[in-house]
Amino acid sequence: FHDSMMADLDESQKVRVLLAQAIFGNPDVLILDEPTNGLDIE
C-alpha cells in the first residue's frame, strides 16, 4: 500500500499514514490526540 493513493485506503490504514505524517521529519513539537486509536498491539 506504500505507493497507493490515499482514497484507496480504508479508515484504519489512513490513520497509520496520518500518524507517520505527524512524526516524519523530526518536528520540534509533536501534538498527538488519541494516537493509538485504531492501531494494533504491534
All heavy atoms as atom14 arrays in JSON, in Angstrom:
{
  "sequence": "FHDSMMADLDESQKVRVLLAQAIFGNPDVLILDEPTNGLDIE",
  "atom14_mask": [
    [1, 1, 1, 1, 1, 1, 1, 1, 1, 1, 1, 0, 0, 0],
    [1, 1, 1, 1, 1, 1, 1, 1, 1, 1, 0, 0, 0, 0],
    [1, 1, 1, 1, 1, 1, 1, 1, 0, 0, 0, 0, 0, 0],
    [1, 1, 1, 1, 1, 1, 0, 0, 0, 0, 0, 0, 0, 0],
    [1, 1, 1, 1, 1, 1, 1, 1, 0, 0, 0, 0, 0, 0],
    [1, 1, 1, 1, 1, 1, 1, 1, 0, 0, 0, 0, 0, 0],
    [1, 1, 1, 1, 1, 0, 0, 0, 0, 0, 0, 0, 0, 0],
    [1, 1, 1, 1, 1, 1, 1, 1, 0, 0, 0, 0, 0, 0],
    [1, 1, 1, 1, 1, 1, 1, 1, 0, 0, 0, 0, 0, 0],
    [1, 1, 1, 1, 1, 1, 1, 1, 0, 0, 0, 0, 0, 0],
    [1, 1, 1, 1, 1, 1, 1, 1, 1, 0, 0, 0, 0, 0],
    [1, 1, 1, 1, 1, 1, 0, 0, 0, 0, 0, 0, 0, 0],
    [1, 1, 1, 1, 1, 1, 1, 1, 1, 0, 0, 0, 0, 0],
    [1, 1, 1, 1, 1, 1, 1, 1, 1, 0, 0, 0, 0, 0],
    [1, 1, 1, 1, 1, 1, 1, 0, 0, 0, 0, 0, 0, 0],
    [1, 1, 1, 1, 1, 1, 1, 1, 1, 1, 1, 0, 0, 0],
    [1, 1, 1, 1, 1, 1, 1, 0, 0, 0, 0, 0, 0, 0],
    [1, 1, 1, 1, 1, 1, 1, 1, 0, 0, 0, 0, 0, 0],
    [1, 1, 1, 1, 1, 1, 1, 1, 0, 0, 0, 0, 0, 0],
    [1, 1, 1, 1, 1, 0, 0, 0, 0, 0, 0, 0, 0, 0],
    [1, 1, 1, 1, 1, 1, 1, 1, 1, 0, 0, 0, 0, 0],
    [1, 1, 1, 1, 1, 0, 0, 0, 0, 0, 0, 0, 0, 0],
    [1, 1, 1, 1, 1, 1, 1, 1, 0, 0, 0, 0, 0, 0],
    [1, 1, 1, 1, 1, 1, 1, 1, 1, 1, 1, 0, 0, 0],
    [1, 1, 1, 1, 0, 0, 0, 0, 0, 0, 0, 0, 0, 0],
    [1, 1, 1, 1, 1, 1, 1, 1, 0, 0, 0, 0, 0, 0],
    [1, 1, 1, 1, 1, 1, 1, 0, 0, 0, 0, 0, 0, 0],
    [1, 1, 1, 1, 1, 1, 1, 1, 0, 0, 0, 0, 0, 0],
    [1, 1, 1, 1, 1, 1, 1, 0, 0, 0, 0, 0, 0, 0],
    [1, 1, 1, 1, 1, 1, 1, 1, 0, 0, 0, 0, 0, 0],
    [1, 1, 1, 1, 1, 1, 1, 1, 0, 0, 0, 0, 0, 0],
    [1, 1, 1, 1, 1, 1, 1, 1, 0, 0, 0, 0, 0, 0],
    [1, 1, 1, 1, 1, 1, 1, 1, 0, 0, 0, 0, 0, 0],
    [1, 1, 1, 1, 1, 1, 1, 1, 1, 0, 0, 0, 0, 0],
    [1, 1, 1, 1, 1, 1, 1, 0, 0, 0, 0, 0, 0, 0],
    [1, 1, 1, 1, 1, 1, 1, 0, 0, 0, 0, 0, 0, 0],
    [1, 1, 1, 1, 1, 1, 1, 1, 0, 0, 0, 0, 0, 0],
    [1, 1, 1, 1, 0, 0, 0, 0, 0, 0, 0, 0, 0, 0],
    [1, 1, 1, 1, 1, 1, 1, 1, 0, 0, 0, 0, 0, 0],
    [1, 1, 1, 1, 1, 1, 1, 1, 0, 0, 0, 0, 0, 0],
    [1, 1, 1, 1, 1, 1, 1, 1, 0, 0, 0, 0, 0, 0],
    [1, 1, 1, 1, 1, 1, 1, 1, 1, 0, 0, 0, 0, 0]
  ],
  "atom14_positions": [
    [[0.81, -1.23, 0.0], [0.0, 0.0, 0.0], [0.85, 1.27, 0.0], [0.3, 2.37, -0.06], [-0.93, 0.02, 1.22], [-1.95, -1.09, 1.21], [-1.83, -2.16, 2.08], [-3.02, -1.07, 0.32], [-2.76, -3.2, 2.08], [-3.95, -2.09, 0.31], [-3.82, -3.16, 1.19], [0.0, 0.0, 0.0], [0.0, 0.0, 0.0], [0.0, 0.0, 0.0]],
    [[2.16, 1.15, 0.08], [3.03, 2.33, 0.19], [2.94, 3.25, -1.02], [3.19, 4.45, -0.91], [4.48, 1.92, 0.43], [4.71, 1.34, 1.8], [5.98, 1.06, 2.29], [3.85, 0.97, 2.77], [5.86, 0.55, 3.5], [4.58, 0.48, 3.81], [0.0, 0.0, 0.0], [0.0, 0.0, 0.0], [0.0, 0.0, 0.0], [0.0, 0.0, 0.0]],
    [[2.64, 2.7, -2.19], [2.55, 3.52, -3.4], [1.1, 3.75, -3.83], [0.84, 4.22, -4.94], [3.35, 2.88, -4.54], [4.85, 2.89, -4.25], [5.38, 3.98, -3.95], [5.48, 1.82, -4.28], [0.0, 0.0, 0.0], [0.0, 0.0, 0.0], [0.0, 0.0, 0.0], [0.0, 0.0, 0.0], [0.0, 0.0, 0.0], [0.0, 0.0, 0.0]],
    [[0.15, 3.44, -2.94], [-1.27, 3.62, -3.25], [-1.68, 5.09, -3.12], [-0.94, 5.91, -2.56], [-2.13, 2.81, -2.28], [-1.84, 1.44, -2.39], [0.0, 0.0, 0.0], [0.0, 0.0, 0.0], [0.0, 0.0, 0.0], [0.0, 0.0, 0.0], [0.0, 0.0, 0.0], [0.0, 0.0, 0.0], [0.0, 0.0, 0.0], [0.0, 0.0, 0.0]],
    [[-2.87, 5.39, -3.61], [-3.49, 6.69, -3.37], [-4.23, 6.61, -2.04], [-4.74, 5.55, -1.67], [-4.48, 7.04, -4.48], [-3.85, 7.23, -5.84], [-2.62, 8.58, -5.87], [-3.7, 10.02, -5.73], [0.0, 0.0, 0.0], [0.0, 0.0, 0.0], [0.0, 0.0, 0.0], [0.0, 0.0, 0.0], [0.0, 0.0, 0.0], [0.0, 0.0, 0.0]],
    [[-4.3, 7.73, -1.33], [-4.98, 7.75, -0.03], [-6.46, 7.35, -0.16], [-7.01, 6.7, 0.71], [-4.87, 9.14, 0.59], [-3.5, 9.46, 1.15], [-3.06, 8.48, 2.6], [-4.0, 9.31, 3.89], [0.0, 0.0, 0.0], [0.0, 0.0, 0.0], [0.0, 0.0, 0.0], [0.0, 0.0, 0.0], [0.0, 0.0, 0.0], [0.0, 0.0, 0.0]],
    [[-7.08, 7.72, -1.27], [-8.5, 7.42, -1.48], [-8.77, 5.92, -1.51], [-9.9, 5.48, -1.25], [-8.98, 8.07, -2.78], [0.0, 0.0, 0.0], [0.0, 0.0, 0.0], [0.0, 0.0, 0.0], [0.0, 0.0, 0.0], [0.0, 0.0, 0.0], [0.0, 0.0, 0.0], [0.0, 0.0, 0.0], [0.0, 0.0, 0.0], [0.0, 0.0, 0.0]],
    [[-7.73, 5.13, -1.84], [-7.9, 3.67, -1.95], [-7.7, 2.93, -0.63], [-7.84, 1.71, -0.57], [-6.93, 3.11, -3.0], [-7.2, 3.69, -4.38], [-8.37, 4.01, -4.66], [-6.25, 3.83, -5.17], [0.0, 0.0, 0.0], [0.0, 0.0, 0.0], [0.0, 0.0, 0.0], [0.0, 0.0, 0.0], [0.0, 0.0, 0.0], [0.0, 0.0, 0.0]],
    [[-7.36, 3.68, 0.44], [-7.12, 3.04, 1.73], [-8.38, 3.04, 2.59], [-9.24, 3.91, 2.45], [-6.02, 3.78, 2.5], [-4.63, 3.9, 1.84], [-3.66, 4.51, 2.83], [-4.12, 2.57, 1.34], [0.0, 0.0, 0.0], [0.0, 0.0, 0.0], [0.0, 0.0, 0.0], [0.0, 0.0, 0.0], [0.0, 0.0, 0.0], [0.0, 0.0, 0.0]],
    [[-8.46, 2.07, 3.51], [-9.59, 2.09, 4.44], [-9.24, 2.99, 5.64], [-8.12, 3.5, 5.75], [-9.98, 0.67, 4.89], [-8.89, -0.03, 5.7], [-8.09, 0.65, 6.39], [-8.81, -1.28, 5.65], [0.0, 0.0, 0.0], [0.0, 0.0, 0.0], [0.0, 0.0, 0.0], [0.0, 0.0, 0.0], [0.0, 0.0, 0.0], [0.0, 0.0, 0.0]],
    [[-10.2, 3.16, 6.52], [-10.07, 4.09, 7.64], [-8.84, 3.8, 8.51], [-8.08, 4.68, 8.85], [-11.34, 3.99, 8.5], [-11.58, 5.19, 9.4], [-12.17, 6.38, 8.67], [-12.34, 6.33, 7.44], [-12.46, 7.37, 9.33], [0.0, 0.0, 0.0], [0.0, 0.0, 0.0], [0.0, 0.0, 0.0], [0.0, 0.0, 0.0], [0.0, 0.0, 0.0]],
    [[-8.66, 2.53, 8.86], [-7.56, 2.18, 9.76], [-6.2, 2.37, 9.09], [-5.21, 2.71, 9.74], [-7.73, 0.75, 10.28], [-6.82, -0.14, 9.71], [0.0, 0.0, 0.0], [0.0, 0.0, 0.0], [0.0, 0.0, 0.0], [0.0, 0.0, 0.0], [0.0, 0.0, 0.0], [0.0, 0.0, 0.0], [0.0, 0.0, 0.0], [0.0, 0.0, 0.0]],
    [[-6.13, 2.18, 7.78], [-4.88, 2.42, 7.05], [-4.56, 3.91, 6.98], [-3.41, 4.32, 7.12], [-4.98, 1.82, 5.64], [-5.0, 0.3, 5.63], [-5.34, -0.26, 4.26], [-6.15, 0.3, 3.52], [-4.73, -1.37, 3.9], [0.0, 0.0, 0.0], [0.0, 0.0, 0.0], [0.0, 0.0, 0.0], [0.0, 0.0, 0.0], [0.0, 0.0, 0.0]],
    [[-5.59, 4.72, 6.78], [-5.4, 6.18, 6.72], [-4.87, 6.71, 8.05], [-4.02, 7.61, 8.07], [-6.72, 6.88, 6.36], [-7.1, 6.75, 4.9], [-8.42, 7.45, 4.62], [-8.77, 7.37, 3.14], [-10.03, 8.04, 2.83], [0.0, 0.0, 0.0], [0.0, 0.0, 0.0], [0.0, 0.0, 0.0], [0.0, 0.0, 0.0], [0.0, 0.0, 0.0]],
    [[-5.38, 6.17, 9.15], [-4.93, 6.58, 10.48], [-3.42, 6.39, 10.59], [-2.7, 7.25, 11.1], [-5.65, 5.75, 11.58], [-4.96, 5.89, 12.93], [-7.1, 6.19, 11.7], [0.0, 0.0, 0.0], [0.0, 0.0, 0.0], [0.0, 0.0, 0.0], [0.0, 0.0, 0.0], [0.0, 0.0, 0.0], [0.0, 0.0, 0.0], [0.0, 0.0, 0.0]],
    [[-2.93, 5.26, 10.09], [-1.49, 4.95, 10.15], [-0.67, 5.94, 9.31], [0.41, 6.37, 9.72], [-1.25, 3.51, 9.66], [-1.75, 2.46, 10.64], [-1.89, 1.09, 10.0], [-1.9, 0.01, 10.97], [-2.9, -0.31, 11.76], [-4.01, 0.39, 11.7], [-2.82, -1.3, 12.61], [0.0, 0.0, 0.0], [0.0, 0.0, 0.0], [0.0, 0.0, 0.0]],
    [[-1.19, 6.29, 8.14], [-0.47, 7.23, 7.26], [-0.41, 8.62, 7.91], [0.63, 9.27, 7.91], [-1.13, 7.32, 5.86], [-0.41, 8.35, 5.0], [-1.15, 5.96, 5.17], [0.0, 0.0, 0.0], [0.0, 0.0, 0.0], [0.0, 0.0, 0.0], [0.0, 0.0, 0.0], [0.0, 0.0, 0.0], [0.0, 0.0, 0.0], [0.0, 0.0, 0.0]],
    [[-1.52, 9.07, 8.49], [-1.56, 10.39, 9.13], [-0.66, 10.45, 10.36], [-0.08, 11.49, 10.68], [-3.0, 10.78, 9.48], [-3.92, 11.01, 8.29], [-5.35, 11.3, 8.74], [-3.42, 12.15, 7.4], [0.0, 0.0, 0.0], [0.0, 0.0, 0.0], [0.0, 0.0, 0.0], [0.0, 0.0, 0.0], [0.0, 0.0, 0.0], [0.0, 0.0, 0.0]],
    [[-0.51, 9.31, 11.03], [0.4, 9.23, 12.17], [1.85, 9.34, 11.69], [2.67, 10.05, 12.27], [0.16, 7.92, 12.93], [0.71, 7.77, 14.34], [0.48, 9.0, 15.2], [0.09, 6.55, 15.0], [0.0, 0.0, 0.0], [0.0, 0.0, 0.0], [0.0, 0.0, 0.0], [0.0, 0.0, 0.0], [0.0, 0.0, 0.0], [0.0, 0.0, 0.0]],
    [[2.16, 8.64, 10.59], [3.51, 8.73, 10.0], [3.78, 10.17, 9.56], [4.88, 10.69, 9.72], [3.63, 7.78, 8.81], [0.0, 0.0, 0.0], [0.0, 0.0, 0.0], [0.0, 0.0, 0.0], [0.0, 0.0, 0.0], [0.0, 0.0, 0.0], [0.0, 0.0, 0.0], [0.0, 0.0, 0.0], [0.0, 0.0, 0.0], [0.0, 0.0, 0.0]],
    [[2.75, 10.83, 9.01], [2.89, 12.23, 8.57], [3.28, 13.13, 9.75], [4.16, 13.99, 9.62], [1.56, 12.72, 7.97], [1.61, 14.15, 7.47], [0.21, 14.71, 7.22], [-0.58, 14.89, 8.15], [-0.11, 14.96, 5.97], [0.0, 0.0, 0.0], [0.0, 0.0, 0.0], [0.0, 0.0, 0.0], [0.0, 0.0, 0.0], [0.0, 0.0, 0.0]],
    [[2.63, 12.92, 10.9], [2.89, 13.76, 12.07], [4.32, 13.59, 12.6], [4.98, 14.57, 12.95], [1.89, 13.45, 13.18], [0.0, 0.0, 0.0], [0.0, 0.0, 0.0], [0.0, 0.0, 0.0], [0.0, 0.0, 0.0], [0.0, 0.0, 0.0], [0.0, 0.0, 0.0], [0.0, 0.0, 0.0], [0.0, 0.0, 0.0], [0.0, 0.0, 0.0]],
    [[4.8, 12.35, 12.62], [6.12, 12.11, 13.25], [7.28, 12.25, 12.27], [8.44, 12.28, 12.67], [6.17, 10.72, 13.94], [6.01, 9.58, 12.93], [5.13, 10.62, 15.03], [6.05, 8.18, 13.55], [0.0, 0.0, 0.0], [0.0, 0.0, 0.0], [0.0, 0.0, 0.0], [0.0, 0.0, 0.0], [0.0, 0.0, 0.0], [0.0, 0.0, 0.0]],
    [[6.98, 12.38, 10.97], [8.04, 12.44, 9.96], [8.82, 13.76, 10.05], [8.25, 14.82, 10.28], [7.43, 12.3, 8.56], [8.42, 12.5, 7.45], [9.48, 11.62, 7.28], [8.32, 13.57, 6.58], [10.42, 11.8, 6.27], [9.25, 13.76, 5.56], [10.3, 12.88, 5.41], [0.0, 0.0, 0.0], [0.0, 0.0, 0.0], [0.0, 0.0, 0.0]],
    [[10.11, 13.68, 9.85], [10.94, 14.88, 9.74], [11.36, 15.49, 11.06], [11.79, 16.64, 11.11], [0.0, 0.0, 0.0], [0.0, 0.0, 0.0], [0.0, 0.0, 0.0], [0.0, 0.0, 0.0], [0.0, 0.0, 0.0], [0.0, 0.0, 0.0], [0.0, 0.0, 0.0], [0.0, 0.0, 0.0], [0.0, 0.0, 0.0], [0.0, 0.0, 0.0]],
    [[11.25, 14.74, 12.16], [11.75, 15.17, 13.46], [11.25, 16.56, 13.88], [12.03, 17.49, 14.07], [13.29, 15.17, 13.44], [13.87, 15.14, 14.84], [13.32, 14.5, 15.73], [14.97, 15.84, 15.04], [0.0, 0.0, 0.0], [0.0, 0.0, 0.0], [0.0, 0.0, 0.0], [0.0, 0.0, 0.0], [0.0, 0.0, 0.0], [0.0, 0.0, 0.0]],
    [[9.94, 16.74, 14.05], [9.42, 18.05, 14.46], [9.91, 18.43, 15.86], [10.23, 17.56, 16.67], [7.9, 17.86, 14.46], [7.7, 16.39, 14.62], [8.86, 15.74, 13.94], [0.0, 0.0, 0.0], [0.0, 0.0, 0.0], [0.0, 0.0, 0.0], [0.0, 0.0, 0.0], [0.0, 0.0, 0.0], [0.0, 0.0, 0.0], [0.0, 0.0, 0.0]],
    [[9.97, 19.74, 16.14], [10.42, 20.2, 17.46], [9.34, 19.99, 18.52], [9.64, 19.74, 19.68], [10.8, 21.68, 17.39], [11.91, 21.92, 16.38], [13.06, 21.54, 16.69], [11.64, 22.43, 15.28], [0.0, 0.0, 0.0], [0.0, 0.0, 0.0], [0.0, 0.0, 0.0], [0.0, 0.0, 0.0], [0.0, 0.0, 0.0], [0.0, 0.0, 0.0]],
    [[8.08, 20.13, 18.1], [6.94, 19.89, 18.99], [5.96, 18.99, 18.25], [5.58, 19.29, 17.12], [6.24, 21.21, 19.41], [5.04, 20.91, 20.31], [7.21, 22.13, 20.13], [0.0, 0.0, 0.0], [0.0, 0.0, 0.0], [0.0, 0.0, 0.0], [0.0, 0.0, 0.0], [0.0, 0.0, 0.0], [0.0, 0.0, 0.0], [0.0, 0.0, 0.0]],
    [[5.57, 17.91, 18.9], [4.67, 16.94, 18.28], [3.4, 16.84, 19.12], [3.46, 16.57, 20.31], [5.38, 15.58, 18.21], [4.63, 14.38, 17.66], [4.12, 14.63, 16.25], [5.54, 13.15, 17.68], [0.0, 0.0, 0.0], [0.0, 0.0, 0.0], [0.0, 0.0, 0.0], [0.0, 0.0, 0.0], [0.0, 0.0, 0.0], [0.0, 0.0, 0.0]],
    [[2.24, 17.11, 18.49], [0.97, 17.08, 19.2], [0.12, 15.91, 18.7], [-0.19, 15.84, 17.51], [0.22, 18.42, 19.04], [1.0, 19.51, 19.79], [-1.21, 18.32, 19.56], [0.31, 20.84, 19.89], [0.0, 0.0, 0.0], [0.0, 0.0, 0.0], [0.0, 0.0, 0.0], [0.0, 0.0, 0.0], [0.0, 0.0, 0.0], [0.0, 0.0, 0.0]],
    [[-0.2, 14.99, 19.6], [-0.93, 13.77, 19.23], [-2.2, 13.63, 20.05], [-2.14, 13.53, 21.28], [-0.04, 12.54, 19.47], [1.32, 12.5, 18.75], [2.13, 11.3, 19.24], [1.15, 12.44, 17.25], [0.0, 0.0, 0.0], [0.0, 0.0, 0.0], [0.0, 0.0, 0.0], [0.0, 0.0, 0.0], [0.0, 0.0, 0.0], [0.0, 0.0, 0.0]],
    [[-3.35, 13.63, 19.39], [-4.63, 13.44, 20.06], [-5.1, 12.01, 19.8], [-5.41, 11.65, 18.67], [-5.65, 14.45, 19.52], [-6.9, 14.53, 20.39], [-6.99, 13.75, 21.36], [-7.79, 15.35, 20.09], [0.0, 0.0, 0.0], [0.0, 0.0, 0.0], [0.0, 0.0, 0.0], [0.0, 0.0, 0.0], [0.0, 0.0, 0.0], [0.0, 0.0, 0.0]],
    [[-5.12, 11.19, 20.84], [-5.52, 9.77, 20.76], [-4.79, 9.02, 19.62], [-5.42, 8.47, 18.73], [-7.05, 9.67, 20.55], [-7.88, 10.26, 21.68], [-7.87, 9.42, 22.95], [-7.22, 8.36, 22.97], [-8.52, 9.84, 23.92], [0.0, 0.0, 0.0], [0.0, 0.0, 0.0], [0.0, 0.0, 0.0], [0.0, 0.0, 0.0], [0.0, 0.0, 0.0]],
    [[-3.45, 9.0, 19.66], [-2.7, 8.39, 18.56], [-2.82, 6.87, 18.45], [-2.53, 6.31, 17.4], [-1.25, 8.79, 18.85], [-1.2, 8.96, 20.33], [-2.55, 9.51, 20.71], [0.0, 0.0, 0.0], [0.0, 0.0, 0.0], [0.0, 0.0, 0.0], [0.0, 0.0, 0.0], [0.0, 0.0, 0.0], [0.0, 0.0, 0.0], [0.0, 0.0, 0.0]],
    [[-3.24, 6.19, 19.53], [-3.3, 4.72, 19.48], [-4.65, 4.21, 18.98], [-4.82, 3.0, 18.8], [-3.0, 4.1, 20.87], [-3.98, 4.57, 21.8], [-1.62, 4.48, 21.35], [0.0, 0.0, 0.0], [0.0, 0.0, 0.0], [0.0, 0.0, 0.0], [0.0, 0.0, 0.0], [0.0, 0.0, 0.0], [0.0, 0.0, 0.0], [0.0, 0.0, 0.0]],
    [[-5.61, 5.1, 18.76], [-6.93, 4.67, 18.26], [-6.79, 3.96, 16.92], [-6.18, 4.5, 15.99], [-7.86, 5.88, 18.09], [-8.51, 6.29, 19.4], [-8.22, 5.71, 20.44], [-9.36, 7.29, 19.36], [0.0, 0.0, 0.0], [0.0, 0.0, 0.0], [0.0, 0.0, 0.0], [0.0, 0.0, 0.0], [0.0, 0.0, 0.0], [0.0, 0.0, 0.0]],
    [[-7.34, 2.77, 16.81], [-7.31, 2.05, 15.53], [-6.02, 1.31, 15.26], [-5.87, 0.71, 14.2], [0.0, 0.0, 0.0], [0.0, 0.0, 0.0], [0.0, 0.0, 0.0], [0.0, 0.0, 0.0], [0.0, 0.0, 0.0], [0.0, 0.0, 0.0], [0.0, 0.0, 0.0], [0.0, 0.0, 0.0], [0.0, 0.0, 0.0], [0.0, 0.0, 0.0]],
    [[-5.06, 1.34, 16.2], [-3.79, 0.63, 15.99], [-3.81, -0.72, 16.7], [-4.43, -0.87, 17.74], [-2.61, 1.45, 16.53], [-2.31, 2.8, 15.91], [-1.03, 3.37, 16.51], [-2.19, 2.72, 14.39], [0.0, 0.0, 0.0], [0.0, 0.0, 0.0], [0.0, 0.0, 0.0], [0.0, 0.0, 0.0], [0.0, 0.0, 0.0], [0.0, 0.0, 0.0]],
    [[-3.1, -1.71, 16.12], [-2.96, -3.0, 16.79], [-1.78, -2.94, 17.76], [-1.04, -1.95, 17.8], [-2.79, -4.14, 15.77], [-1.65, -3.88, 14.81], [-0.72, -3.12, 15.18], [-1.66, -4.43, 13.69], [0.0, 0.0, 0.0], [0.0, 0.0, 0.0], [0.0, 0.0, 0.0], [0.0, 0.0, 0.0], [0.0, 0.0, 0.0], [0.0, 0.0, 0.0]],
    [[-1.61, -4.01, 18.54], [-0.57, -4.03, 19.59], [0.83, -3.79, 19.02], [1.61, -3.03, 19.57], [-0.59, -5.39, 20.35], [-1.91, -5.55, 21.13], [0.59, -5.5, 21.3], [-2.12, -4.55, 22.25], [0.0, 0.0, 0.0], [0.0, 0.0, 0.0], [0.0, 0.0, 0.0], [0.0, 0.0, 0.0], [0.0, 0.0, 0.0], [0.0, 0.0, 0.0]],
    [[1.13, -4.43, 17.86], [2.48, -4.28, 17.27], [2.75, -2.82, 16.89], [3.84, -2.31, 17.13], [2.63, -5.18, 16.02], [2.72, -6.65, 16.29], [1.37, -7.32, 16.47], [0.33, -6.64, 16.31], [1.34, -8.54, 16.78], [0.0, 0.0, 0.0], [0.0, 0.0, 0.0], [0.0, 0.0, 0.0], [0.0, 0.0, 0.0], [0.0, 0.0, 0.0]]
  ]
}
